[in-house]
All heavy atoms as atom14 arrays in JSON, in Angstrom:
{
  "sequence": "IGYMMLAAGLGPVGYVFAIMHLVTHGFFKAGLFLGAGSV",
  "atom14_mask": [
    [1, 1, 1, 1, 1, 1, 1, 1, 0, 0, 0, 0, 0, 0],
    [1, 1, 1, 1, 0, 0, 0, 0, 0, 0, 0, 0, 0, 0],
    [1, 1, 1, 1, 1, 1, 1, 1, 1, 1, 1, 1, 0, 0],
    [1, 1, 1, 1, 1, 1, 1, 1, 0, 0, 0, 0, 0, 0],
    [1, 1, 1, 1, 1, 1, 1, 1, 0, 0, 0, 0, 0, 0],
    [1, 1, 1, 1, 1, 1, 1, 1, 0, 0, 0, 0, 0, 0],
    [1, 1, 1, 1, 1, 0, 0, 0, 0, 0, 0, 0, 0, 0],
    [1, 1, 1, 1, 1, 0, 0, 0, 0, 0, 0, 0, 0, 0],
    [1, 1, 1, 1, 0, 0, 0, 0, 0, 0, 0, 0, 0, 0],
    [1, 1, 1, 1, 1, 1, 1, 1, 0, 0, 0, 0, 0, 0],
    [1, 1, 1, 1, 0, 0, 0, 0, 0, 0, 0, 0, 0, 0],
    [1, 1, 1, 1, 1, 1, 1, 0, 0, 0, 0, 0, 0, 0],
    [1, 1, 1, 1, 1, 1, 1, 0, 0, 0, 0, 0, 0, 0],
    [1, 1, 1, 1, 0, 0, 0, 0, 0, 0, 0, 0, 0, 0],
    [1, 1, 1, 1, 1, 1, 1, 1, 1, 1, 1, 1, 0, 0],
    [1, 1, 1, 1, 1, 1, 1, 0, 0, 0, 0, 0, 0, 0],
    [1, 1, 1, 1, 1, 1, 1, 1, 1, 1, 1, 0, 0, 0],
    [1, 1, 1, 1, 1, 0, 0, 0, 0, 0, 0, 0, 0, 0],
    [1, 1, 1, 1, 1, 1, 1, 1, 0, 0, 0, 0, 0, 0],
    [1, 1, 1, 1, 1, 1, 1, 1, 0, 0, 0, 0, 0, 0],
    [1, 1, 1, 1, 1, 1, 1, 1, 1, 1, 0, 0, 0, 0],
    [1, 1, 1, 1, 1, 1, 1, 1, 0, 0, 0, 0, 0, 0],
    [1, 1, 1, 1, 1, 1, 1, 0, 0, 0, 0, 0, 0, 0],
    [1, 1, 1, 1, 1, 1, 1, 0, 0, 0, 0, 0, 0, 0],
    [1, 1, 1, 1, 1, 1, 1, 1, 1, 1, 0, 0, 0, 0],
    [1, 1, 1, 1, 0, 0, 0, 0, 0, 0, 0, 0, 0, 0],
    [1, 1, 1, 1, 1, 1, 1, 1, 1, 1, 1, 0, 0, 0],
    [1, 1, 1, 1, 1, 1, 1, 1, 1, 1, 1, 0, 0, 0],
    [1, 1, 1, 1, 1, 1, 1, 1, 1, 0, 0, 0, 0, 0],
    [1, 1, 1, 1, 1, 0, 0, 0, 0, 0, 0, 0, 0, 0],
    [1, 1, 1, 1, 0, 0, 0, 0, 0, 0, 0, 0, 0, 0],
    [1, 1, 1, 1, 1, 1, 1, 1, 0, 0, 0, 0, 0, 0],
    [1, 1, 1, 1, 1, 1, 1, 1, 1, 1, 1, 0, 0, 0],
    [1, 1, 1, 1, 1, 1, 1, 1, 0, 0, 0, 0, 0, 0],
    [1, 1, 1, 1, 0, 0, 0, 0, 0, 0, 0, 0, 0, 0],
    [1, 1, 1, 1, 1, 0, 0, 0, 0, 0, 0, 0, 0, 0],
    [1, 1, 1, 1, 0, 0, 0, 0, 0, 0, 0, 0, 0, 0],
    [1, 1, 1, 1, 1, 1, 0, 0, 0, 0, 0, 0, 0, 0],
    [1, 1, 1, 1, 1, 1, 1, 0, 0, 0, 0, 0, 0, 0]
  ],
  "atom14_positions": [
    [[8.72, -5.26, -13.51], [7.52, -5.3, -14.35], [7.22, -6.75, -14.74], [6.06, -7.14, -14.9], [7.69, -4.43, -15.61], [7.94, -2.98, -15.21], [6.46, -4.51, -16.49], [6.8, -2.29, -14.53], [0.0, 0.0, 0.0], [0.0, 0.0, 0.0], [0.0, 0.0, 0.0], [0.0, 0.0, 0.0], [0.0, 0.0, 0.0], [0.0, 0.0, 0.0]],
    [[8.28, -7.56, -14.87], [8.07, -8.98, -15.11], [7.27, -9.64, -14.0], [6.4, -10.48, -14.24], [0.0, 0.0, 0.0], [0.0, 0.0, 0.0], [0.0, 0.0, 0.0], [0.0, 0.0, 0.0], [0.0, 0.0, 0.0], [0.0, 0.0, 0.0], [0.0, 0.0, 0.0], [0.0, 0.0, 0.0], [0.0, 0.0, 0.0], [0.0, 0.0, 0.0]],
    [[7.56, -9.28, -12.74], [6.76, -9.76, -11.61], [5.29, -9.4, -11.81], [4.39, -10.22, -11.61], [7.25, -9.13, -10.31], [8.32, -9.9, -9.59], [9.64, -9.46, -9.58], [8.02, -11.05, -8.88], [10.64, -10.14, -8.91], [9.01, -11.75, -8.2], [10.32, -11.3, -8.22], [11.3, -11.99, -7.55], [0.0, 0.0, 0.0], [0.0, 0.0, 0.0]],
    [[5.05, -8.15, -12.19], [3.67, -7.69, -12.35], [2.96, -8.41, -13.49], [1.79, -8.81, -13.37], [3.64, -6.18, -12.61], [4.29, -5.35, -11.52], [4.46, -3.63, -12.03], [5.86, -3.1, -11.03], [0.0, 0.0, 0.0], [0.0, 0.0, 0.0], [0.0, 0.0, 0.0], [0.0, 0.0, 0.0], [0.0, 0.0, 0.0], [0.0, 0.0, 0.0]],
    [[3.65, -8.59, -14.61], [3.06, -9.29, -15.75], [2.75, -10.74, -15.39], [1.7, -11.28, -15.75], [3.99, -9.22, -16.95], [4.15, -7.84, -17.54], [2.66, -7.17, -18.31], [2.63, -8.15, -19.81], [0.0, 0.0, 0.0], [0.0, 0.0, 0.0], [0.0, 0.0, 0.0], [0.0, 0.0, 0.0], [0.0, 0.0, 0.0], [0.0, 0.0, 0.0]],
    [[3.68, -11.37, -14.69], [3.45, -12.75, -14.27], [2.21, -12.83, -13.38], [1.36, -13.71, -13.55], [4.68, -13.28, -13.53], [4.78, -14.79, -13.29], [6.23, -15.2, -13.06], [3.94, -15.26, -12.12], [0.0, 0.0, 0.0], [0.0, 0.0, 0.0], [0.0, 0.0, 0.0], [0.0, 0.0, 0.0], [0.0, 0.0, 0.0], [0.0, 0.0, 0.0]],
    [[2.1, -11.9, -12.43], [0.93, -11.89, -11.55], [-0.35, -11.66, -12.33], [-1.38, -12.31, -12.08], [1.1, -10.82, -10.47], [0.0, 0.0, 0.0], [0.0, 0.0, 0.0], [0.0, 0.0, 0.0], [0.0, 0.0, 0.0], [0.0, 0.0, 0.0], [0.0, 0.0, 0.0], [0.0, 0.0, 0.0], [0.0, 0.0, 0.0], [0.0, 0.0, 0.0]],
    [[-0.31, -10.75, -13.3], [-1.5, -10.5, -14.11], [-1.88, -11.73, -14.93], [-3.06, -11.99, -15.16], [-1.26, -9.31, -15.04], [0.0, 0.0, 0.0], [0.0, 0.0, 0.0], [0.0, 0.0, 0.0], [0.0, 0.0, 0.0], [0.0, 0.0, 0.0], [0.0, 0.0, 0.0], [0.0, 0.0, 0.0], [0.0, 0.0, 0.0], [0.0, 0.0, 0.0]],
    [[-0.88, -12.52, -15.34], [-1.17, -13.74, -16.08], [-1.82, -14.82, -15.23], [-2.41, -15.76, -15.77], [0.0, 0.0, 0.0], [0.0, 0.0, 0.0], [0.0, 0.0, 0.0], [0.0, 0.0, 0.0], [0.0, 0.0, 0.0], [0.0, 0.0, 0.0], [0.0, 0.0, 0.0], [0.0, 0.0, 0.0], [0.0, 0.0, 0.0], [0.0, 0.0, 0.0]],
    [[-1.75, -14.69, -13.91], [-2.38, -15.67, -13.02], [-3.89, -15.47, -12.92], [-4.58, -16.27, -12.3], [-1.76, -15.58, -11.62], [-0.26, -15.9, -11.53], [0.24, -15.69, -10.11], [0.02, -17.32, -11.99], [0.0, 0.0, 0.0], [0.0, 0.0, 0.0], [0.0, 0.0, 0.0], [0.0, 0.0, 0.0], [0.0, 0.0, 0.0], [0.0, 0.0, 0.0]],
    [[-4.41, -14.39, -13.51], [-5.84, -14.17, -13.48], [-6.3, -13.53, -12.19], [-5.55, -12.78, -11.54], [0.0, 0.0, 0.0], [0.0, 0.0, 0.0], [0.0, 0.0, 0.0], [0.0, 0.0, 0.0], [0.0, 0.0, 0.0], [0.0, 0.0, 0.0], [0.0, 0.0, 0.0], [0.0, 0.0, 0.0], [0.0, 0.0, 0.0], [0.0, 0.0, 0.0]],
    [[-7.54, -13.78, -11.77], [-8.08, -13.15, -10.56], [-7.24, -13.38, -9.32], [-7.3, -12.6, -8.37], [-9.46, -13.82, -10.42], [-9.83, -14.23, -11.81], [-8.54, -14.62, -12.47], [0.0, 0.0, 0.0], [0.0, 0.0, 0.0], [0.0, 0.0, 0.0], [0.0, 0.0, 0.0], [0.0, 0.0, 0.0], [0.0, 0.0, 0.0], [0.0, 0.0, 0.0]],
    [[-6.45, -14.45, -9.31], [-5.57, -14.69, -8.16], [-4.49, -13.62, -8.06], [-4.04, -13.28, -6.95], [-4.91, -16.09, -8.28], [-3.93, -16.33, -7.15], [-5.97, -17.17, -8.3], [0.0, 0.0, 0.0], [0.0, 0.0, 0.0], [0.0, 0.0, 0.0], [0.0, 0.0, 0.0], [0.0, 0.0, 0.0], [0.0, 0.0, 0.0], [0.0, 0.0, 0.0]],
    [[-4.1, -13.05, -9.2], [-2.96, -12.16, -9.2], [-3.19, -10.72, -9.59], [-2.31, -9.88, -9.39], [0.0, 0.0, 0.0], [0.0, 0.0, 0.0], [0.0, 0.0, 0.0], [0.0, 0.0, 0.0], [0.0, 0.0, 0.0], [0.0, 0.0, 0.0], [0.0, 0.0, 0.0], [0.0, 0.0, 0.0], [0.0, 0.0, 0.0], [0.0, 0.0, 0.0]],
    [[-4.37, -10.39, -10.17], [-4.58, -9.02, -10.65], [-4.35, -7.97, -9.56], [-3.64, -6.98, -9.76], [-6.01, -8.86, -11.19], [-6.28, -9.57, -12.48], [-7.47, -10.28, -12.69], [-5.35, -9.54, -13.53], [-7.74, -10.92, -13.87], [-5.61, -10.2, -14.72], [-6.8, -10.89, -14.89], [-7.05, -11.54, -16.07], [0.0, 0.0, 0.0], [0.0, 0.0, 0.0]],
    [[-4.97, -8.18, -8.41], [-4.87, -7.2, -7.33], [-3.42, -6.99, -6.91], [-2.96, -5.86, -6.72], [-5.71, -7.63, -6.12], [-5.42, -6.73, -4.91], [-7.19, -7.58, -6.45], [0.0, 0.0, 0.0], [0.0, 0.0, 0.0], [0.0, 0.0, 0.0], [0.0, 0.0, 0.0], [0.0, 0.0, 0.0], [0.0, 0.0, 0.0], [0.0, 0.0, 0.0]],
    [[-2.67, -8.08, -6.8], [-1.3, -7.99, -6.3], [-0.35, -7.45, -7.38], [0.68, -6.86, -7.05], [-0.86, -9.34, -5.76], [-1.78, -9.86, -4.7], [-2.48, -11.05, -4.88], [-1.99, -9.13, -3.54], [-3.36, -11.51, -3.92], [-2.86, -9.59, -2.57], [-3.55, -10.77, -2.75], [0.0, 0.0, 0.0], [0.0, 0.0, 0.0], [0.0, 0.0, 0.0]],
    [[-0.7, -7.66, -8.65], [0.09, -7.03, -9.72], [-0.01, -5.52, -9.6], [1.01, -4.81, -9.7], [-0.42, -7.5, -11.08], [0.0, 0.0, 0.0], [0.0, 0.0, 0.0], [0.0, 0.0, 0.0], [0.0, 0.0, 0.0], [0.0, 0.0, 0.0], [0.0, 0.0, 0.0], [0.0, 0.0, 0.0], [0.0, 0.0, 0.0], [0.0, 0.0, 0.0]],
    [[-1.21, -5.0, -9.37], [-1.39, -3.56, -9.24], [-0.8, -3.05, -7.93], [-0.22, -1.96, -7.88], [-2.89, -3.19, -9.34], [-3.46, -3.7, -10.67], [-3.07, -1.69, -9.23], [-2.77, -3.16, -11.9], [0.0, 0.0, 0.0], [0.0, 0.0, 0.0], [0.0, 0.0, 0.0], [0.0, 0.0, 0.0], [0.0, 0.0, 0.0], [0.0, 0.0, 0.0]],
    [[-0.92, -3.84, -6.88], [-0.33, -3.43, -5.6], [1.19, -3.29, -5.72], [1.77, -2.3, -5.25], [-0.68, -4.45, -4.52], [-0.15, -4.13, -3.14], [-0.7, -5.34, -1.93], [0.24, -4.85, -0.48], [0.0, 0.0, 0.0], [0.0, 0.0, 0.0], [0.0, 0.0, 0.0], [0.0, 0.0, 0.0], [0.0, 0.0, 0.0], [0.0, 0.0, 0.0]],
    [[1.83, -4.24, -6.38], [3.28, -4.15, -6.57], [3.62, -3.0, -7.51], [4.65, -2.34, -7.35], [3.82, -5.47, -7.11], [5.32, -5.55, -7.09], [6.06, -5.39, -5.96], [6.22, -5.76, -8.09], [7.35, -5.51, -6.22], [7.47, -5.72, -7.52], [0.0, 0.0, 0.0], [0.0, 0.0, 0.0], [0.0, 0.0, 0.0], [0.0, 0.0, 0.0]],
    [[2.74, -2.75, -8.48], [2.96, -1.63, -9.39], [3.0, -0.3, -8.62], [3.84, 0.56, -8.88], [1.84, -1.62, -10.44], [1.89, -0.58, -11.56], [1.23, -1.16, -12.82], [1.17, 0.7, -11.17], [0.0, 0.0, 0.0], [0.0, 0.0, 0.0], [0.0, 0.0, 0.0], [0.0, 0.0, 0.0], [0.0, 0.0, 0.0], [0.0, 0.0, 0.0]],
    [[2.08, -0.15, -7.65], [2.03, 1.1, -6.89], [3.24, 1.23, -5.97], [3.89, 2.28, -5.92], [0.72, 1.18, -6.07], [0.72, 2.44, -5.19], [-0.49, 1.2, -7.01], [0.0, 0.0, 0.0], [0.0, 0.0, 0.0], [0.0, 0.0, 0.0], [0.0, 0.0, 0.0], [0.0, 0.0, 0.0], [0.0, 0.0, 0.0], [0.0, 0.0, 0.0]],
    [[3.55, 0.18, -5.22], [4.72, 0.26, -4.33], [6.0, 0.46, -5.14], [6.89, 1.22, -4.75], [4.84, -1.0, -3.47], [4.95, -2.17, -4.31], [3.63, -1.16, -2.56], [0.0, 0.0, 0.0], [0.0, 0.0, 0.0], [0.0, 0.0, 0.0], [0.0, 0.0, 0.0], [0.0, 0.0, 0.0], [0.0, 0.0, 0.0], [0.0, 0.0, 0.0]],
    [[6.08, -0.21, -6.3], [7.23, -0.03, -7.18], [7.33, 1.41, -7.66], [8.44, 1.95, -7.82], [7.1, -0.99, -8.38], [8.18, -0.83, -9.41], [8.03, -0.03, -10.52], [9.42, -1.37, -9.49], [9.13, -0.09, -11.25], [9.99, -0.88, -10.65], [0.0, 0.0, 0.0], [0.0, 0.0, 0.0], [0.0, 0.0, 0.0], [0.0, 0.0, 0.0]],
    [[6.19, 2.06, -7.89], [6.21, 3.45, -8.31], [6.92, 4.34, -7.31], [7.67, 5.24, -7.68], [0.0, 0.0, 0.0], [0.0, 0.0, 0.0], [0.0, 0.0, 0.0], [0.0, 0.0, 0.0], [0.0, 0.0, 0.0], [0.0, 0.0, 0.0], [0.0, 0.0, 0.0], [0.0, 0.0, 0.0], [0.0, 0.0, 0.0], [0.0, 0.0, 0.0]],
    [[6.72, 4.05, -6.01], [7.38, 4.85, -4.98], [8.88, 4.56, -4.92], [9.71, 5.47, -5.02], [6.74, 4.58, -3.61], [5.41, 5.22, -3.43], [4.25, 4.45, -3.36], [5.29, 6.59, -3.33], [3.01, 5.04, -3.2], [4.05, 7.2, -3.17], [2.9, 6.42, -3.11], [0.0, 0.0, 0.0], [0.0, 0.0, 0.0], [0.0, 0.0, 0.0]],
    [[9.24, 3.28, -4.73], [10.67, 3.04, -4.5], [11.51, 3.13, -5.76], [12.67, 3.52, -5.7], [10.93, 1.74, -3.73], [10.35, 0.47, -4.31], [10.8, -0.07, -5.49], [9.37, -0.22, -3.59], [10.29, -1.27, -5.98], [8.85, -1.41, -4.08], [9.31, -1.94, -5.28], [0.0, 0.0, 0.0], [0.0, 0.0, 0.0], [0.0, 0.0, 0.0]],
    [[10.94, 2.84, -6.93], [11.75, 2.97, -8.13], [11.94, 4.43, -8.52], [13.02, 4.83, -8.97], [11.13, 2.17, -9.28], [11.97, 2.13, -10.56], [13.41, 1.71, -10.33], [13.56, 0.29, -9.83], [13.17, -0.74, -10.76], [0.0, 0.0, 0.0], [0.0, 0.0, 0.0], [0.0, 0.0, 0.0], [0.0, 0.0, 0.0], [0.0, 0.0, 0.0]],
    [[10.91, 5.25, -8.34], [11.08, 6.69, -8.57], [12.11, 7.25, -7.61], [12.97, 8.07, -7.99], [9.74, 7.42, -8.4], [0.0, 0.0, 0.0], [0.0, 0.0, 0.0], [0.0, 0.0, 0.0], [0.0, 0.0, 0.0], [0.0, 0.0, 0.0], [0.0, 0.0, 0.0], [0.0, 0.0, 0.0], [0.0, 0.0, 0.0], [0.0, 0.0, 0.0]],
    [[12.08, 6.8, -6.35], [13.08, 7.24, -5.38], [14.48, 6.84, -5.77], [15.44, 7.61, -5.6], [0.0, 0.0, 0.0], [0.0, 0.0, 0.0], [0.0, 0.0, 0.0], [0.0, 0.0, 0.0], [0.0, 0.0, 0.0], [0.0, 0.0, 0.0], [0.0, 0.0, 0.0], [0.0, 0.0, 0.0], [0.0, 0.0, 0.0], [0.0, 0.0, 0.0]],
    [[14.62, 5.63, -6.32], [15.94, 5.16, -6.73], [16.47, 5.97, -7.91], [17.65, 6.36, -7.95], [15.87, 3.67, -7.09], [15.68, 2.71, -5.92], [15.36, 1.31, -6.43], [16.91, 2.68, -5.03], [0.0, 0.0, 0.0], [0.0, 0.0, 0.0], [0.0, 0.0, 0.0], [0.0, 0.0, 0.0], [0.0, 0.0, 0.0], [0.0, 0.0, 0.0]],
    [[15.62, 6.25, -8.89], [16.08, 7.01, -10.05], [16.39, 8.46, -9.68], [17.39, 9.03, -10.15], [15.04, 6.96, -11.17], [15.26, 5.83, -12.12], [14.39, 4.75, -12.16], [16.33, 5.83, -12.99], [14.59, 3.7, -13.03], [16.54, 4.78, -13.88], [15.67, 3.71, -13.9], [0.0, 0.0, 0.0], [0.0, 0.0, 0.0], [0.0, 0.0, 0.0]],
    [[15.55, 9.06, -8.84], [15.84, 10.43, -8.43], [17.1, 10.46, -7.57], [17.89, 11.42, -7.63], [14.66, 11.0, -7.66], [13.36, 11.17, -8.45], [12.33, 11.95, -7.65], [13.6, 11.85, -9.79], [0.0, 0.0, 0.0], [0.0, 0.0, 0.0], [0.0, 0.0, 0.0], [0.0, 0.0, 0.0], [0.0, 0.0, 0.0], [0.0, 0.0, 0.0]],
    [[17.32, 9.42, -6.77], [18.56, 9.33, -6.01], [19.76, 9.19, -6.93], [20.81, 9.81, -6.69], [0.0, 0.0, 0.0], [0.0, 0.0, 0.0], [0.0, 0.0, 0.0], [0.0, 0.0, 0.0], [0.0, 0.0, 0.0], [0.0, 0.0, 0.0], [0.0, 0.0, 0.0], [0.0, 0.0, 0.0], [0.0, 0.0, 0.0], [0.0, 0.0, 0.0]],
    [[19.63, 8.4, -7.98], [20.72, 8.28, -8.95], [20.99, 9.62, -9.62], [22.15, 10.0, -9.85], [20.36, 7.22, -10.0], [0.0, 0.0, 0.0], [0.0, 0.0, 0.0], [0.0, 0.0, 0.0], [0.0, 0.0, 0.0], [0.0, 0.0, 0.0], [0.0, 0.0, 0.0], [0.0, 0.0, 0.0], [0.0, 0.0, 0.0], [0.0, 0.0, 0.0]],
    [[19.91, 10.36, -9.92], [20.1, 11.69, -10.5], [20.79, 12.63, -9.55], [21.61, 13.47, -9.96], [0.0, 0.0, 0.0], [0.0, 0.0, 0.0], [0.0, 0.0, 0.0], [0.0, 0.0, 0.0], [0.0, 0.0, 0.0], [0.0, 0.0, 0.0], [0.0, 0.0, 0.0], [0.0, 0.0, 0.0], [0.0, 0.0, 0.0], [0.0, 0.0, 0.0]],
    [[20.48, 12.51, -8.26], [21.14, 13.34, -7.26], [22.63, 13.03, -7.2], [23.47, 13.94, -7.09], [20.48, 13.11, -5.89], [21.09, 13.9, -4.9], [0.0, 0.0, 0.0], [0.0, 0.0, 0.0], [0.0, 0.0, 0.0], [0.0, 0.0, 0.0], [0.0, 0.0, 0.0], [0.0, 0.0, 0.0], [0.0, 0.0, 0.0], [0.0, 0.0, 0.0]],
    [[22.96, 11.74, -7.27], [24.38, 11.35, -7.29], [25.07, 11.92, -8.52], [26.17, 12.48, -8.43], [24.5, 9.81, -7.25], [25.95, 9.39, -7.51], [24.03, 9.26, -5.9], [0.0, 0.0, 0.0], [0.0, 0.0, 0.0], [0.0, 0.0, 0.0], [0.0, 0.0, 0.0], [0.0, 0.0, 0.0], [0.0, 0.0, 0.0], [0.0, 0.0, 0.0]]
  ]
}
């Protein structure tokens, strides 16, 4: 989330990529937590 906040602080240069990382992070971080729960 620090990556995303930093990107958002860059203004128009970073807004799109902050949200893009937010979406990809939603997939792999949810997968990691559900995997941890499975373990």
